[in-house]
Structures are given as C-alpha cells and as structure tokens.
Amino acid sequence: MRRTLLVLLVVLATLVSAPSASAIKYGTADTGNQYPWVGLVVFYDANGNPLWRCSGSLLSSDLFLTAGHCTEDPAATAAIWFDVGPIQTDPQYIANLNSGATDLCAGVTGYPCGGYDAIGTPESHPNWNGSLTIPQTSDVGVVYDLTWVGDMPTRFGTIAEPGTLDNLTYTNGKGNVEFTVVGYGLQGVKPVELSAKTRMIATVSLVNLQSVLSGGWNLQYSNNPGLGHGGSGGTCFGDSGGPVLYNGEIVAVNSFVLNNNCAGAGFGYRVDTTYAQSFIFGRHPAT
C-alpha cells in the first residue's frame, strides 16, 4: 500500500500480520453495543491470504462503507466481524505466519481467516489512484454483494445529507464542534503497540475543513487527548474507513494521520458530498 505524499501522510490501515491490533486511542470500549453496525474488516488477496484490516460501517444488508485505500488492489475479497471484541487471533494463524507458510489460513478457523459474520467484494472509488493526492484523494470504498454467515446487526449506519459540514467553523472554548469516531484500530503505537481488536469510541474536535490538507474534501480533527477542547482521544492504524459521526450520522471515513505515532491531527475523507455518495449509492444502492 502507498503510504506517503508531500509531508509524512500515513493512511490508517494496518497489516493483519502486525501484533494483534487494538483501537481508538484513549477512547472507551463499546460495551453497550451502541454502534452494532461498525465492523472490523479484513481484506484478502486472490489466494485467500490476509493483507490488512480496517474498520467500516454497514449501510444495508448488502453494503459496507470503508476507505478507498482499504479496498484497493490486490484486495480481492473482504470479511467483516461485528463483535464488540476483543477479537482474538487464532494461534494457528500466528504459527503459519512465523513458519512462512504459503497458505496463511491453513487450519485457521478463527480470526483473521474464519469466524466472520459476512464476506463480500471490495471496490475503491474509481478516482482513488493508490496515493494520497491531497486534498482530493477520493479515499472512499465499499464492500458489496455481502454473503451472511453470522448474525446481521439490527441497525444500520446512515450517511449525512450532502453539505452537512459546509457551514461548520472552528471556534475557541465551549463552542467547539465535536465528532464521534468509532473503530477497531491501535490503542497506542509507542513505546509499545497496544492492540486488542475491540470496537472503541472517542470524541474529537473540529480543526478545519479548508486548509491545504483539507481543501473542503477532508475533515481535519484533533487527534490527542487532553487538548482542552473536549477531545477524548483520536484515531490510529486500523481505524481506516471507520465512521466520523456528527449528530449520529456519518460525515466522513477515517483516512490519514500526519505521523507514525497517530498524534497531532487526524483526517477523515468527507462522505457528505454528492461526489462520494454518487459512488457509494450509485452502483450499490443501500436497500
């Protein structure tokens, strides 16, 4: 996967082979299953070997929303888990990985090769070219034609109307605009990578929509706890494609951060645009 452009811009997917992975930094676990439609998604190559994992939102029984850099080639299929977590990695997978097995899923019945709830076909926006072409990255993707082998969530996520974020501005003090981020990404990177593959929730604050990196296409939000304006955490690797929520609706999918520590600022690719929604719903209506 291509990870850098201009300054250090780092997409928020994470390798399945990384040490068992965790969640939203400094957030809280979704123990009450508040967001049953947010899932962990693993992508596989044409041989069925796991590539990387991301987060995302189930929009209907047949349509799952995530980031374009998650669904890009060589991803051929995708499997989705909707467990709150922690989702345990099957020890046999670790053994296969350590032995250099050609078939990493041989004998593996649990994560990341089995035990999922649905499986489908990944597709990136046709204008996603594998690079973070700031500010218009087209970093949105879907998994469609879902086949269900587990329980389907009882509720679906909803995308905000086009232009929902257009009138929002950053203000100091209590007037800050806040968003909810949800995902299964790393809880921390340094000094030790913390990971448990648990659905986590955090609150972040609007930084801007119109900077050089945002350009009206990306939502820049705070990505550190304790910044003095309401933020309770941020996003990290594995949170790619997870929802950024405003008033309970999806306004962006987590896209990239500025460094390998997941600190300072985070960016979500906006889906409250006709451009994004024509792709999301144009060929794959949320029925």
Protein backbone atom coordinates (compact mmCIF):
# COMPACT_ATOMS: atom_id res chain seq x y z
CA MET A 1 0.00 0.00 0.00
CA ARG A 2 1.25 3.51 -0.79
CA ARG A 3 1.55 5.50 2.41
CA THR A 4 3.25 8.86 1.85
CA LEU A 5 2.90 12.07 -0.15
CA LEU A 6 4.42 15.53 0.36
CA VAL A 7 4.93 15.59 4.13
CA LEU A 8 4.53 12.35 6.00
CA LEU A 9 0.89 11.43 5.43
CA VAL A 10 0.07 7.99 6.75
CA VAL A 11 -3.06 6.02 5.91
CA LEU A 12 -4.81 4.36 8.80
CA ALA A 13 -4.98 0.75 7.63
CA THR A 14 -2.86 -1.81 9.48
CA LEU A 15 -1.30 -5.08 8.43
CA VAL A 16 -3.04 -8.19 9.67
CA SER A 17 0.39 -9.61 10.42
CA ALA A 18 1.14 -6.82 12.89
CA PRO A 19 0.91 -7.77 16.57
CA SER A 20 -2.74 -8.35 17.48
CA ALA A 21 -4.37 -4.97 16.92
CA SER A 22 -6.40 -2.63 19.18
CA ALA A 23 -8.48 0.52 18.95
CA ILE A 24 -9.29 4.24 19.02
CA LYS A 25 -6.70 5.94 21.23
CA TYR A 26 -7.81 6.73 24.76
CA GLY A 27 -11.44 6.07 23.98
CA THR A 28 -13.91 3.75 25.65
CA ALA A 29 -14.99 0.26 24.59
CA ASP A 30 -18.45 -0.04 23.07
CA THR A 31 -19.56 -2.45 25.80
CA GLY A 32 -23.19 -1.40 25.39
CA ASN A 33 -23.09 -2.20 21.66
CA GLN A 34 -24.06 1.38 20.84
CA TYR A 35 -22.68 1.03 17.31
CA PRO A 36 -23.54 -2.54 16.23
CA TRP A 37 -23.20 -1.54 12.57
CA VAL A 38 -19.49 -0.64 12.90
CA GLY A 39 -17.37 -3.63 11.92
CA LEU A 40 -13.78 -4.82 11.60
CA VAL A 41 -12.96 -5.80 8.03
CA VAL A 42 -10.06 -7.96 6.80
CA PHE A 43 -9.00 -7.94 3.15
CA TYR A 44 -7.53 -10.95 1.30
CA ASP A 45 -5.59 -11.38 -1.92
CA ALA A 46 -6.68 -13.67 -4.76
CA ASN A 47 -5.10 -16.64 -2.96
CA GLY A 48 -7.09 -16.03 0.19
CA ASN A 49 -4.20 -14.73 2.30
CA PRO A 50 -4.95 -11.81 4.65
CA LEU A 51 -3.48 -8.47 3.60
CA TRP A 52 -4.57 -5.75 6.03
CA ARG A 53 -7.51 -4.74 8.15
CA CYS A 54 -9.65 -1.64 8.55
CA SER A 55 -12.91 -0.50 10.13
CA GLY A 56 -16.18 0.49 8.48
CA SER A 57 -19.94 0.95 8.61
CA LEU A 58 -22.76 -1.33 7.48
CA LEU A 59 -25.22 0.81 5.49
CA SER A 60 -27.56 -2.01 4.47
CA SER A 61 -27.65 -5.80 4.36
CA ASP A 62 -25.55 -5.64 1.18
CA LEU A 63 -23.36 -2.55 1.52
CA PHE A 64 -20.43 -1.78 3.85
CA LEU A 65 -18.65 1.59 3.77
CA THR A 66 -14.91 2.00 4.38
CA ALA A 67 -11.87 3.83 2.96
CA GLY A 68 -10.61 3.55 -0.62
CA HIS A 69 -7.08 2.66 0.45
CA CYS A 70 -8.54 -0.34 2.29
CA THR A 71 -10.36 -1.78 -0.71
CA GLU A 72 -7.61 -1.17 -3.26
CA ASP A 73 -5.79 -3.82 -5.32
CA PRO A 74 -4.64 -6.51 -4.55
CA ALA A 75 -7.66 -6.88 -2.23
CA ALA A 76 -9.94 -9.46 -3.90
CA THR A 77 -12.35 -10.35 -1.08
CA ALA A 78 -13.21 -8.98 2.34
CA ALA A 79 -14.63 -10.47 5.54
CA ILE A 80 -16.35 -8.47 8.29
CA TRP A 81 -16.71 -9.04 12.04
CA PHE A 82 -19.29 -7.14 14.09
CA ASP A 83 -18.23 -8.40 17.54
CA VAL A 84 -17.58 -5.68 20.11
CA GLY A 85 -14.36 -7.56 20.90
CA PRO A 86 -11.71 -8.16 21.86
CA ILE A 87 -11.46 -10.40 18.81
CA GLN A 88 -8.76 -12.97 19.44
CA THR A 89 -6.29 -14.00 16.73
CA ASP A 90 -6.29 -17.75 16.08
CA PRO A 91 -2.94 -19.17 17.34
CA GLN A 92 -2.69 -21.32 14.23
CA TYR A 93 -2.54 -18.18 12.10
CA ILE A 94 0.38 -16.89 14.16
CA ALA A 95 2.10 -20.26 13.75
CA ASN A 96 1.56 -20.17 9.98
CA LEU A 97 2.90 -16.63 9.84
CA ASN A 98 6.00 -17.46 11.84
CA SER A 99 6.75 -20.55 9.77
CA GLY A 100 6.45 -18.69 6.48
CA ALA A 101 3.55 -20.85 5.27
CA THR A 102 2.35 -20.24 1.73
CA ASP A 103 -1.28 -20.62 2.82
CA LEU A 104 -1.57 -18.45 5.91
CA CYS A 105 -5.13 -19.62 6.56
CA ALA A 106 -4.36 -23.34 6.52
CA GLY A 107 -6.04 -24.89 9.56
CA VAL A 108 -7.21 -21.48 10.84
CA THR A 109 -10.85 -21.43 11.97
CA GLY A 110 -10.81 -18.08 13.80
CA TYR A 111 -9.62 -14.54 13.09
CA PRO A 112 -8.34 -13.46 10.61
CA CYS A 113 -9.48 -16.34 8.38
CA GLY A 114 -12.73 -17.54 9.95
CA GLY A 115 -15.47 -16.71 12.39
CA TYR A 116 -16.58 -13.62 10.47
CA ASP A 117 -20.19 -12.51 10.04
CA ALA A 118 -20.19 -11.55 6.36
CA ILE A 119 -17.96 -11.74 3.30
CA GLY A 120 -18.10 -9.65 0.12
CA THR A 121 -16.35 -7.88 -2.75
CA PRO A 122 -14.24 -4.74 -2.18
CA GLU A 123 -14.24 -1.74 -4.51
CA SER A 124 -12.50 1.63 -4.31
CA HIS A 125 -13.75 4.88 -5.83
CA PRO A 126 -12.63 4.85 -9.49
CA ASN A 127 -10.61 8.02 -8.88
CA TRP A 128 -8.66 6.56 -5.96
CA ASN A 129 -5.25 6.04 -7.56
CA GLY A 130 -3.34 4.50 -4.67
CA SER A 131 -1.85 7.79 -3.49
CA LEU A 132 -2.98 10.48 -1.09
CA THR A 133 -3.41 13.16 -3.77
CA ILE A 134 -4.16 15.93 -1.30
CA PRO A 135 -6.67 17.38 -0.88
CA GLN A 136 -8.95 15.41 -3.21
CA THR A 137 -7.95 11.82 -2.54
CA SER A 138 -11.24 10.05 -3.41
CA ASP A 139 -10.39 7.85 -0.42
CA VAL A 140 -13.71 6.05 -0.14
CA GLY A 141 -14.51 2.39 -0.76
CA VAL A 142 -17.23 -0.18 -0.26
CA VAL A 143 -17.64 -3.90 0.25
CA TYR A 144 -20.74 -5.14 -1.56
CA ASP A 145 -22.55 -8.35 -2.53
CA LEU A 146 -22.37 -9.44 1.09
CA THR A 147 -22.97 -13.08 1.98
CA TRP A 148 -24.01 -13.53 5.60
CA VAL A 149 -22.77 -16.49 7.62
CA GLY A 150 -23.25 -14.89 11.04
CA ASP A 151 -25.70 -12.52 12.68
CA MET A 152 -26.55 -9.31 10.87
CA PRO A 153 -26.64 -6.17 13.05
CA THR A 154 -30.13 -4.99 13.95
CA ARG A 155 -29.38 -1.41 12.89
CA PHE A 156 -27.51 0.26 10.02
CA GLY A 157 -25.40 3.40 9.84
CA THR A 158 -26.70 6.43 7.92
CA ILE A 159 -24.76 8.97 5.88
CA ALA A 160 -25.46 12.69 6.39
CA GLU A 161 -27.00 14.80 3.64
CA PRO A 162 -24.60 16.47 1.19
CA GLY A 163 -23.21 19.73 2.56
CA THR A 164 -23.84 18.92 6.24
CA LEU A 165 -20.36 20.09 7.25
CA ASP A 166 -20.12 23.09 4.93
CA ASN A 167 -21.26 25.68 7.45
CA LEU A 168 -19.22 24.41 10.40
CA THR A 169 -16.34 26.55 11.63
CA TYR A 170 -13.73 26.17 14.35
CA THR A 171 -14.19 28.37 17.44
CA ASN A 172 -12.28 28.57 20.69
CA GLY A 173 -13.71 27.46 24.01
CA LYS A 174 -17.04 25.79 24.63
CA GLY A 175 -18.32 26.39 21.13
CA ASN A 176 -16.11 23.77 19.54
CA VAL A 177 -17.75 21.35 17.15
CA GLU A 178 -17.24 17.75 18.23
CA PHE A 179 -17.44 14.44 16.39
CA THR A 180 -17.60 10.82 17.46
CA VAL A 181 -15.09 8.38 15.96
CA VAL A 182 -15.54 4.61 16.12
CA GLY A 183 -13.15 1.86 15.09
CA TYR A 184 -11.01 -1.17 15.87
CA GLY A 185 -7.59 0.43 15.35
CA LEU A 186 -4.49 0.53 17.54
CA GLN A 187 -4.88 1.94 21.04
CA GLY A 188 -1.26 3.09 21.02
CA VAL A 189 1.92 2.84 18.95
CA LYS A 190 4.88 3.86 21.11
CA PRO A 191 6.64 2.83 23.28
CA VAL A 192 4.59 -0.39 22.95
CA GLU A 193 1.99 -1.23 20.32
CA LEU A 194 -1.29 -1.82 22.14
CA SER A 195 -3.87 -3.96 20.42
CA ALA A 196 -7.00 -5.89 21.28
CA LYS A 197 -9.26 -5.54 18.20
CA THR A 198 -12.05 -4.01 20.26
CA ARG A 199 -14.68 -1.57 18.97
CA MET A 200 -13.78 1.73 20.61
CA ILE A 201 -15.45 5.14 20.76
CA ALA A 202 -13.87 8.57 21.23
CA THR A 203 -14.69 12.24 20.84
CA VAL A 204 -12.63 14.55 18.63
CA SER A 205 -12.93 18.25 17.81
CA LEU A 206 -13.08 20.09 14.50
CA VAL A 207 -9.84 21.76 13.46
CA ASN A 208 -10.76 22.88 9.94
CA LEU A 209 -12.27 22.00 6.60
CA GLN A 210 -10.39 24.36 4.30
CA SER A 211 -6.64 24.03 4.96
CA VAL A 212 -4.18 22.92 2.29
CA LEU A 213 -4.64 19.33 3.50
CA SER A 214 -8.41 19.61 3.83
CA GLY A 215 -9.48 21.67 0.83
CA GLY A 216 -13.15 21.05 1.54
CA TRP A 217 -12.73 17.33 0.83
CA ASN A 218 -11.23 16.24 4.15
CA LEU A 219 -12.30 16.89 7.71
CA GLN A 220 -9.35 17.67 10.00
CA TYR A 221 -9.95 16.83 13.65
CA SER A 222 -7.98 16.73 16.89
CA ASN A 223 -6.07 13.51 17.47
CA ASN A 224 -4.76 13.81 21.03
CA PRO A 225 -6.46 13.56 24.42
CA GLY A 226 -6.50 16.43 26.88
CA LEU A 227 -6.20 19.25 24.37
CA GLY A 228 -8.54 21.46 26.38
CA HIS A 229 -11.39 21.48 23.92
CA GLY A 230 -13.35 18.34 24.62
CA GLY A 231 -11.37 15.72 22.75
CA SER A 232 -11.23 12.34 24.44
CA GLY A 233 -8.93 10.51 22.05
CA GLY A 234 -8.23 10.01 18.40
CA THR A 235 -7.75 7.54 15.57
CA CYS A 236 -4.84 5.24 14.74
CA PHE A 237 -3.86 2.40 12.41
CA GLY A 238 -6.75 0.00 11.85
CA ASP A 239 -9.33 2.78 12.20
CA SER A 240 -9.22 3.48 8.45
CA GLY A 241 -12.70 3.59 6.98
CA GLY A 242 -14.39 3.81 10.37
CA PRO A 243 -17.09 6.45 10.73
CA VAL A 244 -16.70 10.04 11.83
CA LEU A 245 -20.13 10.94 13.21
CA TYR A 246 -21.87 14.29 13.59
CA ASN A 247 -25.25 14.22 15.30
CA GLY A 248 -25.25 10.45 14.89
CA GLU A 249 -24.74 10.45 11.11
CA ILE A 250 -21.63 9.54 9.10
CA VAL A 251 -19.95 12.63 7.67
CA ALA A 252 -16.51 11.15 6.89
CA VAL A 253 -14.47 7.95 6.87
CA ASN A 254 -11.17 7.92 8.75
CA SER A 255 -8.41 8.38 6.19
CA PHE A 256 -4.93 9.50 7.30
CA VAL A 257 -2.73 10.99 10.02
CA LEU A 258 0.43 13.10 9.84
CA ASN A 259 2.93 10.77 11.52
CA ASN A 260 3.60 7.20 12.59
CA ASN A 261 2.66 7.97 16.20
CA CYS A 262 -1.00 8.78 15.36
CA ALA A 263 -0.57 12.12 17.15
CA GLY A 264 -1.33 15.76 16.40
CA ALA A 265 -4.13 15.63 13.84
CA GLY A 266 -6.35 13.17 12.03
CA PHE A 267 -8.21 13.46 8.76
CA GLY A 268 -11.43 11.90 7.54
CA TYR A 269 -12.47 11.83 3.88
CA ARG A 270 -15.86 13.51 3.66
CA VAL A 271 -18.84 11.46 2.51
CA ASP A 272 -21.37 14.28 2.98
CA THR A 273 -20.79 15.16 -0.67
CA THR A 274 -22.66 14.27 -3.85
CA TYR A 275 -19.28 13.18 -5.26
CA ALA A 276 -18.79 10.48 -2.62
CA GLN A 277 -22.43 9.48 -2.42
CA SER A 278 -22.79 9.01 -6.17
CA PHE A 279 -20.13 6.31 -5.88
CA ILE A 280 -21.38 4.79 -2.62
CA PHE A 281 -25.01 4.50 -3.70
CA GLY A 282 -24.80 4.85 -7.49
CA ARG A 283 -23.88 1.24 -8.27
CA HIS A 284 -24.64 -0.27 -4.87
CA PRO A 285 -27.91 1.15 -3.52
CA ALA A 286 -28.37 0.73 0.25
CA THR A 287 -31.53 -1.37 0.14
